[in-house]
Amino acid sequence: MCEETKTLRQRLRSLRLPSAHTPHTSHLTSHSSPASGFTLIEIVVVMLLLGIILAMASLNVGGDKAAELRREAERLALLLRTVQQEAILQGQVFAIGLKEETYSFLKVNDRGKLAPLENDDLFRQRTLPAGITITAIEIDGAIQEKQEEDELIGIVFVPSGELPVFDITLSKDALGWHVEGSPNGEIKATAPQTRDDAA
């Protein structure tokens, strides 16, 4: 009996879980591993890449602004050429009324007065995109200034096709595009320039 009891105790000892102070397995001895991290060269390369990415992003933003402004100037020039042709073809007087952020087209009605064109998808009132404004209007060499808040500054298109000399400046931030009209009837959008250069 004593022999059996001894054997059982030995077996129980072999089944005990290892204590907190005893290593679980013999092969899990602690080996000191070198600390992982970035070298100075890797950090410099990452900083350079970030600088290039940020520079490209800023160039894209600037390019988008210039492209949007150019599109609006070219759209306005195209609409003015179209309304000029309508005046010639219909033998009637048309006009464009300009505000800081909007412009609309008008036509002489039966009572001989200029009235906004209605139910016309092409010559509807248009609002400029956010950030783009009409900052200056020059007609026959004179800067046009509004006397009242809601006053329209107008350019008239006659059936003969003749035009006053005009210059409409569209601006966004420091960029400016011009829509110009000449006495020979030519209407065009001209290349951008900064306001400082224009001054």
C-alpha atoms as a PDB file:
ATOM      1  CA  MET A   1       0.000   0.000   0.000  1.00  0.00           C
ATOM      2  CA  CYS A   2       2.842   2.373   0.875  1.00  0.00           C
ATOM      3  CA  GLU A   3       4.431   1.659  -2.436  1.00  0.00           C
ATOM      4  CA  GLU A   4       1.220   2.478  -4.313  1.00  0.00           C
ATOM      5  CA  THR A   5       0.742   5.687  -2.318  1.00  0.00           C
ATOM      6  CA  LYS A   6       4.286   6.742  -3.170  1.00  0.00           C
ATOM      7  CA  THR A   7       3.709   6.083  -6.847  1.00  0.00           C
ATOM      8  CA  LEU A   8       0.454   8.074  -6.848  1.00  0.00           C
ATOM      9  CA  ARG A   9       2.126  11.061  -5.187  1.00  0.00           C
ATOM     10  CA  GLN A  10       4.882  11.044  -7.775  1.00  0.00           C
ATOM     11  CA  ARG A  11       2.303  11.022 -10.544  1.00  0.00           C
ATOM     12  CA  LEU A  12       0.401  13.889  -8.944  1.00  0.00           C
ATOM     13  CA  ARG A  13       3.588  15.912  -8.682  1.00  0.00           C
ATOM     14  CA  SER A  14       4.238  15.379 -12.351  1.00  0.00           C
ATOM     15  CA  LEU A  15       0.711  16.692 -13.174  1.00  0.00           C
ATOM     16  CA  ARG A  16       1.033  19.960 -11.190  1.00  0.00           C
ATOM     17  CA  LEU A  17       0.951  23.190 -13.181  1.00  0.00           C
ATOM     18  CA  PRO A  18       4.178  25.148 -13.161  1.00  0.00           C
ATOM     19  CA  SER A  19       4.332  27.905 -10.588  1.00  0.00           C
ATOM     20  CA  ALA A  20       4.634  31.590 -11.488  1.00  0.00           C
ATOM     21  CA  HIS A  21       8.321  31.452 -10.630  1.00  0.00           C
ATOM     22  CA  THR A  22       9.051  28.420 -12.780  1.00  0.00           C
ATOM     23  CA  PRO A  23       9.630  28.859 -16.526  1.00  0.00           C
ATOM     24  CA  HIS A  24       6.934  27.110 -18.574  1.00  0.00           C
ATOM     25  CA  THR A  25       9.272  25.461 -20.996  1.00  0.00           C
ATOM     26  CA  SER A  26      12.941  25.161 -21.151  1.00  0.00           C
ATOM     27  CA  HIS A  27      13.266  26.724 -24.627  1.00  0.00           C
ATOM     28  CA  LEU A  28      11.484  29.986 -23.684  1.00  0.00           C
ATOM     29  CA  THR A  29      14.538  31.531 -22.156  1.00  0.00           C
ATOM     30  CA  SER A  30      14.736  35.291 -22.561  1.00  0.00           C
ATOM     31  CA  HIS A  31      16.972  36.415 -25.378  1.00  0.00           C
ATOM     32  CA  SER A  32      17.702  40.104 -25.616  1.00  0.00           C
ATOM     33  CA  SER A  33      16.583  41.258 -29.111  1.00  0.00           C
ATOM     34  CA  PRO A  34      17.873  44.483 -30.590  1.00  0.00           C
ATOM     35  CA  ALA A  35      15.362  47.398 -30.370  1.00  0.00           C
ATOM     36  CA  SER A  36      13.558  47.936 -33.673  1.00  0.00           C
ATOM     37  CA  GLY A  37      13.288  51.496 -35.086  1.00  0.00           C
ATOM     38  CA  PHE A  38      13.908  53.816 -38.054  1.00  0.00           C
ATOM     39  CA  THR A  39      17.345  54.869 -39.136  1.00  0.00           C
ATOM     40  CA  LEU A  40      18.140  58.512 -39.811  1.00  0.00           C
ATOM     41  CA  ILE A  41      18.250  57.877 -43.572  1.00  0.00           C
ATOM     42  CA  GLU A  42      14.780  56.303 -43.544  1.00  0.00           C
ATOM     43  CA  ILE A  43      13.361  59.293 -41.651  1.00  0.00           C
ATOM     44  CA  VAL A  44      14.958  61.742 -44.102  1.00  0.00           C
ATOM     45  CA  VAL A  45      13.552  59.813 -47.088  1.00  0.00           C
ATOM     46  CA  VAL A  46      10.051  59.812 -45.569  1.00  0.00           C
ATOM     47  CA  MET A  47      10.245  63.567 -44.905  1.00  0.00           C
ATOM     48  CA  LEU A  48      11.344  64.215 -48.494  1.00  0.00           C
ATOM     49  CA  LEU A  49       8.469  62.122 -49.860  1.00  0.00           C
ATOM     50  CA  LEU A  50       5.964  63.963 -47.669  1.00  0.00           C
ATOM     51  CA  GLY A  51       7.347  67.298 -48.884  1.00  0.00           C
ATOM     52  CA  ILE A  52       6.976  66.246 -52.525  1.00  0.00           C
ATOM     53  CA  ILE A  53       3.404  65.020 -51.975  1.00  0.00           C
ATOM     54  CA  LEU A  54       2.381  68.259 -50.225  1.00  0.00           C
ATOM     55  CA  ALA A  55       3.975  70.357 -52.978  1.00  0.00           C
ATOM     56  CA  MET A  56       2.105  68.412 -55.668  1.00  0.00           C
ATOM     57  CA  ALA A  57      -1.166  68.778 -53.765  1.00  0.00           C
ATOM     58  CA  SER A  58      -0.744  72.549 -53.505  1.00  0.00           C
ATOM     59  CA  LEU A  59       0.055  72.770 -57.226  1.00  0.00           C
ATOM     60  CA  ASN A  60      -3.092  70.793 -58.056  1.00  0.00           C
ATOM     61  CA  VAL A  61      -5.230  73.139 -55.940  1.00  0.00           C
ATOM     62  CA  GLY A  62      -3.749  76.177 -57.663  1.00  0.00           C
ATOM     63  CA  GLY A  63      -4.193  74.543 -61.056  1.00  0.00           C
ATOM     64  CA  ASP A  64      -7.823  73.727 -60.317  1.00  0.00           C
ATOM     65  CA  LYS A  65      -8.531  77.357 -59.391  1.00  0.00           C
ATOM     66  CA  ALA A  66      -6.948  78.648 -62.597  1.00  0.00           C
ATOM     67  CA  ALA A  67      -8.750  76.064 -64.730  1.00  0.00           C
ATOM     68  CA  GLU A  68     -12.132  76.826 -63.156  1.00  0.00           C
ATOM     69  CA  LEU A  69     -11.658  80.559 -63.670  1.00  0.00           C
ATOM     70  CA  ARG A  70     -10.627  80.038 -67.281  1.00  0.00           C
ATOM     71  CA  ARG A  71     -13.695  77.868 -67.953  1.00  0.00           C
ATOM     72  CA  GLU A  72     -16.018  80.542 -66.554  1.00  0.00           C
ATOM     73  CA  ALA A  73     -14.359  83.294 -68.612  1.00  0.00           C
ATOM     74  CA  GLU A  74     -14.546  81.193 -71.780  1.00  0.00           C
ATOM     75  CA  ARG A  75     -18.179  80.298 -71.052  1.00  0.00           C
ATOM     76  CA  LEU A  76     -19.086  83.960 -70.639  1.00  0.00           C
ATOM     77  CA  ALA A  77     -17.231  84.899 -73.852  1.00  0.00           C
ATOM     78  CA  LEU A  78     -19.049  82.128 -75.747  1.00  0.00           C
ATOM     79  CA  LEU A  79     -22.449  83.241 -74.415  1.00  0.00           C
ATOM     80  CA  LEU A  80     -21.711  86.847 -75.390  1.00  0.00           C
ATOM     81  CA  ARG A  81     -20.770  85.779 -78.918  1.00  0.00           C
ATOM     82  CA  THR A  82     -23.971  83.740 -79.105  1.00  0.00           C
ATOM     83  CA  VAL A  83     -26.220  86.590 -77.945  1.00  0.00           C
ATOM     84  CA  GLN A  84     -24.402  88.877 -80.392  1.00  0.00           C
ATOM     85  CA  GLN A  85     -25.346  86.492 -83.230  1.00  0.00           C
ATOM     86  CA  GLU A  86     -28.933  86.318 -81.983  1.00  0.00           C
ATOM     87  CA  ALA A  87     -29.168  90.117 -82.147  1.00  0.00           C
ATOM     88  CA  ILE A  88     -27.917  90.047 -85.745  1.00  0.00           C
ATOM     89  CA  LEU A  89     -30.130  87.136 -86.865  1.00  0.00           C
ATOM     90  CA  GLN A  90     -33.309  88.386 -85.170  1.00  0.00           C
ATOM     91  CA  GLY A  91     -32.675  92.041 -85.940  1.00  0.00           C
ATOM     92  CA  GLN A  92     -33.401  92.920 -82.319  1.00  0.00           C
ATOM     93  CA  VAL A  93     -31.549  94.516 -79.435  1.00  0.00           C
ATOM     94  CA  PHE A  94     -30.191  92.230 -76.706  1.00  0.00           C
ATOM     95  CA  ALA A  95     -28.160  93.034 -73.603  1.00  0.00           C
ATOM     96  CA  ILE A  96     -26.358  91.418 -70.719  1.00  0.00           C
ATOM     97  CA  GLY A  97     -26.836  92.642 -67.154  1.00  0.00           C
ATOM     98  CA  LEU A  98     -23.873  92.051 -64.845  1.00  0.00           C
ATOM     99  CA  LYS A  99     -23.654  91.851 -61.064  1.00  0.00           C
ATOM    100  CA  GLU A 100     -20.803  90.756 -58.820  1.00  0.00           C
ATOM    101  CA  GLU A 101     -21.824  87.091 -58.664  1.00  0.00           C
ATOM    102  CA  THR A 102     -24.506  86.732 -61.358  1.00  0.00           C
ATOM    103  CA  TYR A 103     -25.331  87.807 -64.896  1.00  0.00           C
ATOM    104  CA  SER A 104     -28.501  87.651 -66.949  1.00  0.00           C
ATOM    105  CA  PHE A 105     -29.590  88.333 -70.523  1.00  0.00           C
ATOM    106  CA  LEU A 106     -32.216  90.801 -71.646  1.00  0.00           C
ATOM    107  CA  LYS A 107     -34.106  91.578 -74.829  1.00  0.00           C
ATOM    108  CA  VAL A 108     -36.166  94.531 -76.006  1.00  0.00           C
ATOM    109  CA  ASN A 109     -39.825  93.595 -75.580  1.00  0.00           C
ATOM    110  CA  ASP A 110     -42.942  94.791 -77.427  1.00  0.00           C
ATOM    111  CA  ARG A 111     -43.023  97.955 -75.325  1.00  0.00           C
ATOM    112  CA  GLY A 112     -39.497  98.852 -76.346  1.00  0.00           C
ATOM    113  CA  LYS A 113     -37.955  98.085 -72.958  1.00  0.00           C
ATOM    114  CA  LEU A 114     -35.228  95.666 -72.034  1.00  0.00           C
ATOM    115  CA  ALA A 115     -36.672  92.712 -70.115  1.00  0.00           C
ATOM    116  CA  PRO A 116     -35.055  89.500 -68.838  1.00  0.00           C
ATOM    117  CA  LEU A 117     -35.294  86.522 -71.171  1.00  0.00           C
ATOM    118  CA  GLU A 118     -37.645  83.934 -69.697  1.00  0.00           C
ATOM    119  CA  ASN A 119     -38.017  80.221 -70.438  1.00  0.00           C
ATOM    120  CA  ASP A 120     -34.709  80.214 -72.268  1.00  0.00           C
ATOM    121  CA  ASP A 121     -32.280  77.570 -71.058  1.00  0.00           C
ATOM    122  CA  LEU A 122     -29.285  79.032 -72.892  1.00  0.00           C
ATOM    123  CA  PHE A 123     -29.784  82.652 -71.855  1.00  0.00           C
ATOM    124  CA  ARG A 124     -31.031  81.990 -68.337  1.00  0.00           C
ATOM    125  CA  GLN A 125     -29.652  83.903 -65.368  1.00  0.00           C
ATOM    126  CA  ARG A 126     -26.371  82.374 -64.306  1.00  0.00           C
ATOM    127  CA  THR A 127     -24.605  82.361 -60.946  1.00  0.00           C
ATOM    128  CA  LEU A 128     -20.821  82.191 -60.865  1.00  0.00           C
ATOM    129  CA  PRO A 129     -19.196  79.328 -58.922  1.00  0.00           C
ATOM    130  CA  ALA A 130     -18.274  79.995 -55.301  1.00  0.00           C
ATOM    131  CA  GLY A 131     -15.181  82.163 -55.013  1.00  0.00           C
ATOM    132  CA  ILE A 132     -15.410  83.621 -58.539  1.00  0.00           C
ATOM    133  CA  THR A 133     -16.663  87.181 -58.858  1.00  0.00           C
ATOM    134  CA  ILE A 134     -16.912  89.944 -61.440  1.00  0.00           C
ATOM    135  CA  THR A 135     -14.512  92.480 -59.964  1.00  0.00           C
ATOM    136  CA  ALA A 136     -14.416  95.126 -62.703  1.00  0.00           C
ATOM    137  CA  ILE A 137     -16.393  96.209 -65.770  1.00  0.00           C
ATOM    138  CA  GLU A 138     -14.956  98.733 -68.171  1.00  0.00           C
ATOM    139  CA  ILE A 139     -16.980 100.096 -71.097  1.00  0.00           C
ATOM    140  CA  ASP A 140     -15.453 102.492 -73.629  1.00  0.00           C
ATOM    141  CA  GLY A 141     -12.532 103.127 -71.301  1.00  0.00           C
ATOM    142  CA  ALA A 142     -14.659 104.024 -68.267  1.00  0.00           C
ATOM    143  CA  ILE A 143     -14.902 101.864 -65.150  1.00  0.00           C
ATOM    144  CA  GLN A 144     -18.568 101.165 -64.433  1.00  0.00           C
ATOM    145  CA  GLU A 145     -19.717 101.501 -60.849  1.00  0.00           C
ATOM    146  CA  LYS A 146     -23.112 100.582 -59.440  1.00  0.00           C
ATOM    147  CA  GLN A 147     -25.116 103.364 -57.869  1.00  0.00           C
ATOM    148  CA  GLU A 148     -27.427 100.904 -56.084  1.00  0.00           C
ATOM    149  CA  GLU A 149     -26.961  97.408 -54.670  1.00  0.00           C
ATOM    150  CA  ASP A 150     -29.291  95.639 -57.136  1.00  0.00           C
ATOM    151  CA  GLU A 151     -28.356  97.745 -60.141  1.00  0.00           C
ATOM    152  CA  LEU A 152     -27.291  95.881 -63.300  1.00  0.00           C
ATOM    153  CA  ILE A 153     -24.370  97.084 -65.368  1.00  0.00           C
ATOM    154  CA  GLY A 154     -25.291  96.363 -68.972  1.00  0.00           C
ATOM    155  CA  ILE A 155     -23.644  95.858 -72.349  1.00  0.00           C
ATOM    156  CA  VAL A 156     -25.947  96.242 -75.353  1.00  0.00           C
ATOM    157  CA  PHE A 157     -25.811  94.108 -78.508  1.00  0.00           C
ATOM    158  CA  VAL A 158     -27.337  95.722 -81.610  1.00  0.00           C
ATOM    159  CA  PRO A 159     -28.392  94.054 -84.888  1.00  0.00           C
ATOM    160  CA  SER A 160     -25.455  95.604 -86.777  1.00  0.00           C
ATOM    161  CA  GLY A 161     -23.042  93.497 -84.727  1.00  0.00           C
ATOM    162  CA  GLU A 162     -21.049  96.509 -83.571  1.00  0.00           C
ATOM    163  CA  LEU A 163     -19.858  96.528 -79.984  1.00  0.00           C
ATOM    164  CA  PRO A 164     -18.603  99.034 -77.455  1.00  0.00           C
ATOM    165  CA  VAL A 165     -15.075  98.371 -76.261  1.00  0.00           C
ATOM    166  CA  PHE A 166     -15.534  96.467 -73.003  1.00  0.00           C
ATOM    167  CA  ASP A 167     -13.483  94.503 -70.504  1.00  0.00           C
ATOM    168  CA  ILE A 168     -15.112  92.251 -67.900  1.00  0.00           C
ATOM    169  CA  THR A 169     -12.735  90.984 -65.200  1.00  0.00           C
ATOM    170  CA  LEU A 170     -13.501  87.678 -63.478  1.00  0.00           C
ATOM    171  CA  SER A 171     -11.369  86.989 -60.395  1.00  0.00           C
ATOM    172  CA  LYS A 172     -10.652  84.232 -57.944  1.00  0.00           C
ATOM    173  CA  ASP A 173      -8.145  84.909 -55.178  1.00  0.00           C
ATOM    174  CA  ALA A 174      -5.132  86.523 -56.887  1.00  0.00           C
ATOM    175  CA  LEU A 175      -6.031  85.293 -60.392  1.00  0.00           C
ATOM    176  CA  GLY A 176      -7.941  87.251 -63.006  1.00  0.00           C
ATOM    177  CA  TRP A 177      -9.328  86.441 -66.466  1.00  0.00           C
ATOM    178  CA  HIS A 178     -10.680  89.073 -68.835  1.00  0.00           C
ATOM    179  CA  VAL A 179     -13.549  88.873 -71.304  1.00  0.00           C
ATOM    180  CA  GLU A 180     -12.987  91.590 -73.889  1.00  0.00           C
ATOM    181  CA  GLY A 181     -15.074  93.042 -76.696  1.00  0.00           C
ATOM    182  CA  SER A 182     -13.755  95.189 -79.538  1.00  0.00           C
ATOM    183  CA  PRO A 183     -15.503  97.552 -82.023  1.00  0.00           C
ATOM    184  CA  ASN A 184     -15.047  95.057 -84.877  1.00  0.00           C
ATOM    185  CA  GLY A 185     -17.337  92.639 -83.042  1.00  0.00           C
ATOM    186  CA  GLU A 186     -14.681  90.262 -81.704  1.00  0.00           C
ATOM    187  CA  ILE A 187     -15.278  88.842 -78.212  1.00  0.00           C
ATOM    188  CA  LYS A 188     -12.610  86.759 -76.491  1.00  0.00           C
ATOM    189  CA  ALA A 189     -11.348  85.539 -73.119  1.00  0.00           C
ATOM    190  CA  THR A 190      -7.747  86.514 -72.464  1.00  0.00           C
ATOM    191  CA  ALA A 191      -5.009  84.755 -70.500  1.00  0.00           C
ATOM    192  CA  PRO A 192      -4.879  84.993 -66.696  1.00  0.00           C
ATOM    193  CA  GLN A 193      -2.755  87.403 -64.710  1.00  0.00           C
ATOM    194  CA  THR A 194      -2.406  88.301 -61.072  1.00  0.00           C
ATOM    195  CA  ARG A 195      -4.025  91.442 -59.780  1.00  0.00           C
ATOM    196  CA  ASP A 196      -0.594  92.776 -58.804  1.00  0.00           C
ATOM    197  CA  ASP A 197       0.629  92.379 -62.376  1.00  0.00           C
ATOM    198  CA  ALA A 198      -2.522  94.020 -63.686  1.00  0.00           C
ATOM    199  CA  ALA A 199      -1.897  97.027 -61.439  1.00  0.00           C
END
